[in-house]
Amino acid sequence: MQLAKKHEDKVINFTMPNTMKHYIHRVGRTARTCKVGRSVSMVGETERKMLKDIVRKAKTPVNSRVLAQEVISKFRDLIEKLEKDVYAVRCLEREERAMAYSEAQISVAQKQLA
């Protein structure tokens, strides 16, 4: 799955990234080639700090909604049908983290050689 190579008009974050940089990269897929899109993030209590950071730094208004348990239950089956795609995206994220780690190691080595 090559999300970065085509325009995605919707990005759904089932889990929040660990950093603002990764969040911006992920939701930025909705704005490739000057197009417009939407990003939806499922945020729990443990991710509240990241959400506050996003809202504070956002250049456009961020809409927030609290969903009732009944609504969440209603859509759980629909979300579970996306499980394979979610798994593919999580694999991509894992690869991105490994690449970032490798790039950091290369940078350290280059500095030591200079």
N, C-alpha and C. Protein backbone atom coordinates (compact mmCIF):
# COMPACT_ATOMS: atom_id res chain seq x y z
N MET A 1 0.84 -1.17 0.00
CA MET A 1 0.00 0.00 0.00
C MET A 1 0.89 1.23 0.00
N GLN A 2 0.76 2.08 -1.02
CA GLN A 2 1.60 3.25 -1.14
C GLN A 2 0.76 4.50 -1.00
N LEU A 3 0.39 4.81 0.22
CA LEU A 3 -0.46 5.97 0.47
C LEU A 3 0.21 7.28 0.07
N ALA A 4 1.50 7.37 0.25
CA ALA A 4 2.19 8.63 0.02
C ALA A 4 2.26 9.00 -1.46
N LYS A 5 2.07 8.06 -2.36
CA LYS A 5 2.21 8.33 -3.79
C LYS A 5 0.93 8.81 -4.44
N LYS A 6 -0.17 8.73 -3.76
CA LYS A 6 -1.42 9.21 -4.35
C LYS A 6 -2.13 10.08 -3.34
N HIS A 7 -3.08 10.85 -3.84
CA HIS A 7 -3.84 11.74 -2.96
C HIS A 7 -4.88 10.93 -2.20
N GLU A 8 -4.91 11.09 -0.91
CA GLU A 8 -5.94 10.50 -0.07
C GLU A 8 -6.79 11.64 0.44
N ASP A 9 -8.10 11.56 0.24
CA ASP A 9 -8.94 12.66 0.72
C ASP A 9 -9.38 12.47 2.16
N LYS A 10 -9.11 11.28 2.72
CA LYS A 10 -9.44 11.02 4.12
C LYS A 10 -8.33 10.19 4.76
N VAL A 11 -7.95 10.56 5.95
CA VAL A 11 -7.01 9.76 6.74
C VAL A 11 -7.66 9.54 8.10
N ILE A 12 -7.74 8.29 8.53
CA ILE A 12 -8.31 7.98 9.84
C ILE A 12 -7.19 7.43 10.71
N ASN A 13 -6.93 8.11 11.81
CA ASN A 13 -5.92 7.66 12.77
C ASN A 13 -6.61 6.82 13.84
N PHE A 14 -6.41 5.52 13.79
CA PHE A 14 -6.96 4.65 14.83
C PHE A 14 -6.09 4.72 16.07
N THR A 15 -4.82 5.00 15.85
CA THR A 15 -3.89 5.24 16.96
C THR A 15 -3.15 6.53 16.64
N MET A 16 -2.88 7.31 17.64
CA MET A 16 -2.16 8.57 17.43
C MET A 16 -0.67 8.31 17.33
N PRO A 17 0.00 9.01 16.44
CA PRO A 17 1.46 8.90 16.37
C PRO A 17 2.08 9.44 17.66
N ASN A 18 3.33 9.10 17.89
CA ASN A 18 4.01 9.52 19.11
C ASN A 18 4.51 10.95 19.09
N THR A 19 4.69 11.51 17.88
CA THR A 19 5.23 12.86 17.79
C THR A 19 4.36 13.71 16.86
N MET A 20 4.46 15.03 17.05
CA MET A 20 3.74 15.95 16.19
C MET A 20 4.24 15.82 14.75
N LYS A 21 5.53 15.63 14.57
CA LYS A 21 6.11 15.48 13.22
C LYS A 21 5.46 14.31 12.48
N HIS A 22 5.31 13.19 13.15
CA HIS A 22 4.70 12.02 12.51
C HIS A 22 3.20 12.24 12.25
N TYR A 23 2.55 12.97 13.16
CA TYR A 23 1.14 13.28 12.95
C TYR A 23 0.97 14.13 11.70
N ILE A 24 1.79 15.17 11.58
CA ILE A 24 1.70 16.07 10.43
C ILE A 24 1.99 15.30 9.14
N HIS A 25 2.98 14.44 9.17
CA HIS A 25 3.29 13.63 7.99
C HIS A 25 2.11 12.76 7.60
N ARG A 26 1.51 12.14 8.58
CA ARG A 26 0.40 11.21 8.32
C ARG A 26 -0.82 11.94 7.76
N VAL A 27 -1.24 13.02 8.42
CA VAL A 27 -2.44 13.72 7.95
C VAL A 27 -2.14 14.56 6.72
N GLY A 28 -0.89 14.84 6.48
CA GLY A 28 -0.51 15.58 5.29
C GLY A 28 -0.83 14.85 4.01
N ARG A 29 -1.07 13.57 4.10
CA ARG A 29 -1.46 12.80 2.92
C ARG A 29 -2.76 13.30 2.34
N THR A 30 -3.56 14.00 3.15
CA THR A 30 -4.83 14.53 2.65
C THR A 30 -4.63 15.80 1.86
N ALA A 31 -3.43 16.37 1.87
CA ALA A 31 -3.21 17.66 1.23
C ALA A 31 -2.15 17.59 0.13
N ARG A 32 -1.89 16.44 -0.41
CA ARG A 32 -0.92 16.32 -1.49
C ARG A 32 -1.40 17.08 -2.71
N THR A 33 -0.47 17.62 -3.44
CA THR A 33 -0.72 18.35 -4.69
C THR A 33 -1.82 19.39 -4.54
N CYS A 34 -1.77 20.15 -3.46
CA CYS A 34 -2.68 21.27 -3.22
C CYS A 34 -4.15 20.86 -3.19
N LYS A 35 -4.44 19.65 -2.85
CA LYS A 35 -5.82 19.21 -2.74
C LYS A 35 -6.26 19.30 -1.28
N VAL A 36 -7.54 19.19 -1.07
CA VAL A 36 -8.12 19.32 0.26
C VAL A 36 -8.58 17.95 0.74
N GLY A 37 -8.50 17.72 2.03
CA GLY A 37 -8.98 16.46 2.59
C GLY A 37 -9.29 16.61 4.06
N ARG A 38 -9.65 15.49 4.66
CA ARG A 38 -10.00 15.48 6.09
C ARG A 38 -9.19 14.41 6.80
N SER A 39 -8.96 14.70 8.06
CA SER A 39 -8.29 13.74 8.92
C SER A 39 -9.16 13.54 10.15
N VAL A 40 -9.35 12.28 10.53
CA VAL A 40 -10.11 11.94 11.73
C VAL A 40 -9.19 11.14 12.63
N SER A 41 -9.10 11.54 13.88
CA SER A 41 -8.24 10.84 14.84
C SER A 41 -9.07 10.34 16.00
N MET A 42 -8.94 9.05 16.29
CA MET A 42 -9.59 8.46 17.45
C MET A 42 -8.64 8.66 18.63
N VAL A 43 -9.08 9.42 19.61
CA VAL A 43 -8.20 9.79 20.72
C VAL A 43 -8.81 9.34 22.03
N GLY A 44 -8.01 8.63 22.81
CA GLY A 44 -8.42 8.22 24.14
C GLY A 44 -7.74 9.07 25.19
N GLU A 45 -8.00 8.75 26.43
CA GLU A 45 -7.43 9.52 27.54
C GLU A 45 -5.91 9.57 27.51
N THR A 46 -5.28 8.46 27.13
CA THR A 46 -3.81 8.42 27.14
C THR A 46 -3.20 9.31 26.06
N GLU A 47 -4.01 9.73 25.09
CA GLU A 47 -3.49 10.55 23.99
C GLU A 47 -3.95 12.01 24.10
N ARG A 48 -4.53 12.35 25.20
CA ARG A 48 -5.09 13.70 25.39
C ARG A 48 -4.02 14.78 25.23
N LYS A 49 -2.81 14.55 25.74
CA LYS A 49 -1.74 15.55 25.65
C LYS A 49 -1.42 15.83 24.18
N MET A 50 -1.31 14.78 23.37
CA MET A 50 -1.01 14.97 21.95
C MET A 50 -2.14 15.75 21.28
N LEU A 51 -3.38 15.44 21.61
CA LEU A 51 -4.52 16.15 21.02
C LEU A 51 -4.46 17.63 21.37
N LYS A 52 -4.18 17.96 22.62
CA LYS A 52 -4.09 19.36 23.02
C LYS A 52 -2.99 20.08 22.25
N ASP A 53 -1.88 19.40 22.03
CA ASP A 53 -0.77 19.96 21.27
C ASP A 53 -1.19 20.23 19.82
N ILE A 54 -1.92 19.30 19.24
CA ILE A 54 -2.40 19.45 17.86
C ILE A 54 -3.34 20.64 17.76
N VAL A 55 -4.29 20.73 18.67
CA VAL A 55 -5.27 21.82 18.65
C VAL A 55 -4.57 23.17 18.81
N ARG A 56 -3.60 23.22 19.70
CA ARG A 56 -2.88 24.47 19.97
C ARG A 56 -2.08 24.93 18.74
N LYS A 57 -1.49 23.98 18.00
CA LYS A 57 -0.62 24.34 16.88
C LYS A 57 -1.33 24.35 15.52
N ALA A 58 -2.59 23.97 15.49
CA ALA A 58 -3.32 23.89 14.22
C ALA A 58 -3.49 25.25 13.58
N LYS A 59 -3.35 25.29 12.26
CA LYS A 59 -3.54 26.54 11.52
C LYS A 59 -5.00 26.76 11.13
N THR A 60 -5.78 25.70 11.17
CA THR A 60 -7.21 25.80 10.90
C THR A 60 -7.95 25.22 12.10
N PRO A 61 -9.22 25.58 12.27
CA PRO A 61 -9.97 25.09 13.43
C PRO A 61 -10.04 23.56 13.47
N VAL A 62 -9.95 23.01 14.65
CA VAL A 62 -10.05 21.57 14.85
C VAL A 62 -11.39 21.28 15.52
N ASN A 63 -12.19 20.47 14.87
CA ASN A 63 -13.48 20.09 15.45
C ASN A 63 -13.28 18.91 16.39
N SER A 64 -13.95 18.94 17.50
CA SER A 64 -13.83 17.88 18.49
C SER A 64 -15.22 17.36 18.84
N ARG A 65 -15.31 16.05 18.94
CA ARG A 65 -16.59 15.44 19.32
C ARG A 65 -16.34 14.30 20.30
N VAL A 66 -17.22 14.19 21.27
CA VAL A 66 -17.19 13.06 22.19
C VAL A 66 -18.29 12.12 21.73
N LEU A 67 -17.92 10.87 21.49
CA LEU A 67 -18.90 9.90 20.99
C LEU A 67 -19.44 9.05 22.12
N ALA A 68 -20.74 8.84 22.09
CA ALA A 68 -21.38 7.96 23.07
C ALA A 68 -20.99 6.52 22.79
N GLN A 69 -20.98 5.70 23.81
CA GLN A 69 -20.60 4.30 23.67
C GLN A 69 -21.45 3.58 22.63
N GLU A 70 -22.74 3.93 22.54
CA GLU A 70 -23.63 3.28 21.57
C GLU A 70 -23.17 3.56 20.13
N VAL A 71 -22.71 4.77 19.89
CA VAL A 71 -22.23 5.12 18.55
C VAL A 71 -20.97 4.34 18.23
N ILE A 72 -20.08 4.25 19.20
CA ILE A 72 -18.84 3.51 19.00
C ILE A 72 -19.16 2.05 18.71
N SER A 73 -20.05 1.47 19.45
CA SER A 73 -20.43 0.07 19.24
C SER A 73 -21.03 -0.14 17.86
N LYS A 74 -21.85 0.80 17.42
CA LYS A 74 -22.51 0.69 16.12
C LYS A 74 -21.50 0.59 14.97
N PHE A 75 -20.43 1.33 15.07
CA PHE A 75 -19.45 1.37 13.99
C PHE A 75 -18.28 0.41 14.17
N ARG A 76 -18.24 -0.30 15.28
CA ARG A 76 -17.13 -1.21 15.53
C ARG A 76 -16.99 -2.25 14.42
N ASP A 77 -18.09 -2.83 13.97
CA ASP A 77 -18.04 -3.82 12.91
C ASP A 77 -17.49 -3.24 11.61
N LEU A 78 -17.92 -2.04 11.29
CA LEU A 78 -17.42 -1.40 10.08
C LEU A 78 -15.92 -1.17 10.16
N ILE A 79 -15.47 -0.75 11.32
CA ILE A 79 -14.05 -0.49 11.51
C ILE A 79 -13.25 -1.79 11.44
N GLU A 80 -13.79 -2.85 12.01
CA GLU A 80 -13.09 -4.13 12.00
C GLU A 80 -12.88 -4.65 10.58
N LYS A 81 -13.77 -4.27 9.66
CA LYS A 81 -13.62 -4.68 8.26
C LYS A 81 -12.39 -4.01 7.63
N LEU A 82 -11.94 -2.93 8.21
CA LEU A 82 -10.76 -2.23 7.71
C LEU A 82 -9.46 -2.75 8.31
N GLU A 83 -9.56 -3.79 9.09
CA GLU A 83 -8.41 -4.27 9.86
C GLU A 83 -7.18 -4.56 9.00
N LYS A 84 -7.38 -5.16 7.83
CA LYS A 84 -6.23 -5.46 6.96
C LYS A 84 -5.53 -4.19 6.50
N ASP A 85 -6.32 -3.18 6.14
CA ASP A 85 -5.73 -1.92 5.71
C ASP A 85 -5.01 -1.23 6.87
N VAL A 86 -5.60 -1.30 8.04
CA VAL A 86 -4.98 -0.70 9.22
C VAL A 86 -3.65 -1.41 9.50
N TYR A 87 -3.64 -2.72 9.38
CA TYR A 87 -2.42 -3.48 9.60
C TYR A 87 -1.34 -3.04 8.61
N ALA A 88 -1.72 -2.85 7.34
CA ALA A 88 -0.77 -2.43 6.32
C ALA A 88 -0.18 -1.06 6.65
N VAL A 89 -1.02 -0.15 7.11
CA VAL A 89 -0.55 1.19 7.47
C VAL A 89 0.38 1.12 8.68
N ARG A 90 0.02 0.29 9.64
CA ARG A 90 0.89 0.16 10.83
C ARG A 90 2.24 -0.42 10.45
N CYS A 91 2.25 -1.35 9.49
CA CYS A 91 3.53 -1.88 9.00
C CYS A 91 4.35 -0.77 8.35
N LEU A 92 3.68 0.07 7.57
CA LEU A 92 4.34 1.20 6.94
C LEU A 92 4.92 2.14 7.99
N GLU A 93 4.17 2.40 9.04
CA GLU A 93 4.67 3.26 10.11
C GLU A 93 5.89 2.64 10.79
N ARG A 94 5.85 1.33 11.00
CA ARG A 94 6.98 0.63 11.60
C ARG A 94 8.22 0.79 10.72
N GLU A 95 8.03 0.65 9.41
CA GLU A 95 9.14 0.82 8.48
C GLU A 95 9.67 2.25 8.51
N GLU A 96 8.76 3.23 8.62
CA GLU A 96 9.17 4.64 8.70
C GLU A 96 10.00 4.89 9.95
N ARG A 97 9.60 4.29 11.07
CA ARG A 97 10.36 4.45 12.31
C ARG A 97 11.75 3.82 12.17
N ALA A 98 11.81 2.66 11.55
CA ALA A 98 13.10 1.99 11.35
C ALA A 98 13.99 2.83 10.44
N MET A 99 13.40 3.44 9.41
CA MET A 99 14.17 4.28 8.51
C MET A 99 14.68 5.52 9.23
N ALA A 100 13.84 6.13 10.05
CA ALA A 100 14.25 7.31 10.81
C ALA A 100 15.39 6.97 11.76
N TYR A 101 15.31 5.81 12.38
CA TYR A 101 16.37 5.36 13.28
C TYR A 101 17.67 5.18 12.51
N SER A 102 17.58 4.54 11.35
CA SER A 102 18.77 4.33 10.52
C SER A 102 19.36 5.65 10.06
N GLU A 103 18.50 6.60 9.66
CA GLU A 103 18.99 7.91 9.24
C GLU A 103 19.69 8.62 10.39
N ALA A 104 19.17 8.48 11.59
CA ALA A 104 19.81 9.09 12.76
C ALA A 104 21.18 8.48 13.00
N GLN A 105 21.29 7.18 12.85
CA GLN A 105 22.58 6.51 13.02
C GLN A 105 23.58 6.97 11.96
N ILE A 106 23.12 7.13 10.73
CA ILE A 106 24.00 7.61 9.65
C ILE A 106 24.47 9.02 9.96
N SER A 107 23.56 9.85 10.45
CA SER A 107 23.92 11.23 10.79
C SER A 107 24.99 11.27 11.88
N VAL A 108 24.83 10.45 12.89
CA VAL A 108 25.83 10.39 13.97
C VAL A 108 27.16 9.93 13.40
N ALA A 109 27.15 8.92 12.56
CA ALA A 109 28.39 8.41 11.97
C ALA A 109 29.05 9.48 11.10
N GLN A 110 28.28 10.21 10.33
CA GLN A 110 28.83 11.26 9.48
C GLN A 110 29.48 12.37 10.31
N LYS A 111 28.85 12.71 11.42
CA LYS A 111 29.40 13.74 12.31
C LYS A 111 30.72 13.27 12.93
N GLN A 112 30.81 11.99 13.25
CA GLN A 112 32.01 11.43 13.84
C GLN A 112 33.16 11.40 12.82
N LEU A 113 32.81 11.22 11.55
CA LEU A 113 33.82 11.17 10.49
C LEU A 113 34.30 12.56 10.10
N ALA A 114 33.49 13.57 10.35
CA ALA A 114 33.85 14.94 9.92
C ALA A 114 34.88 15.57 10.82
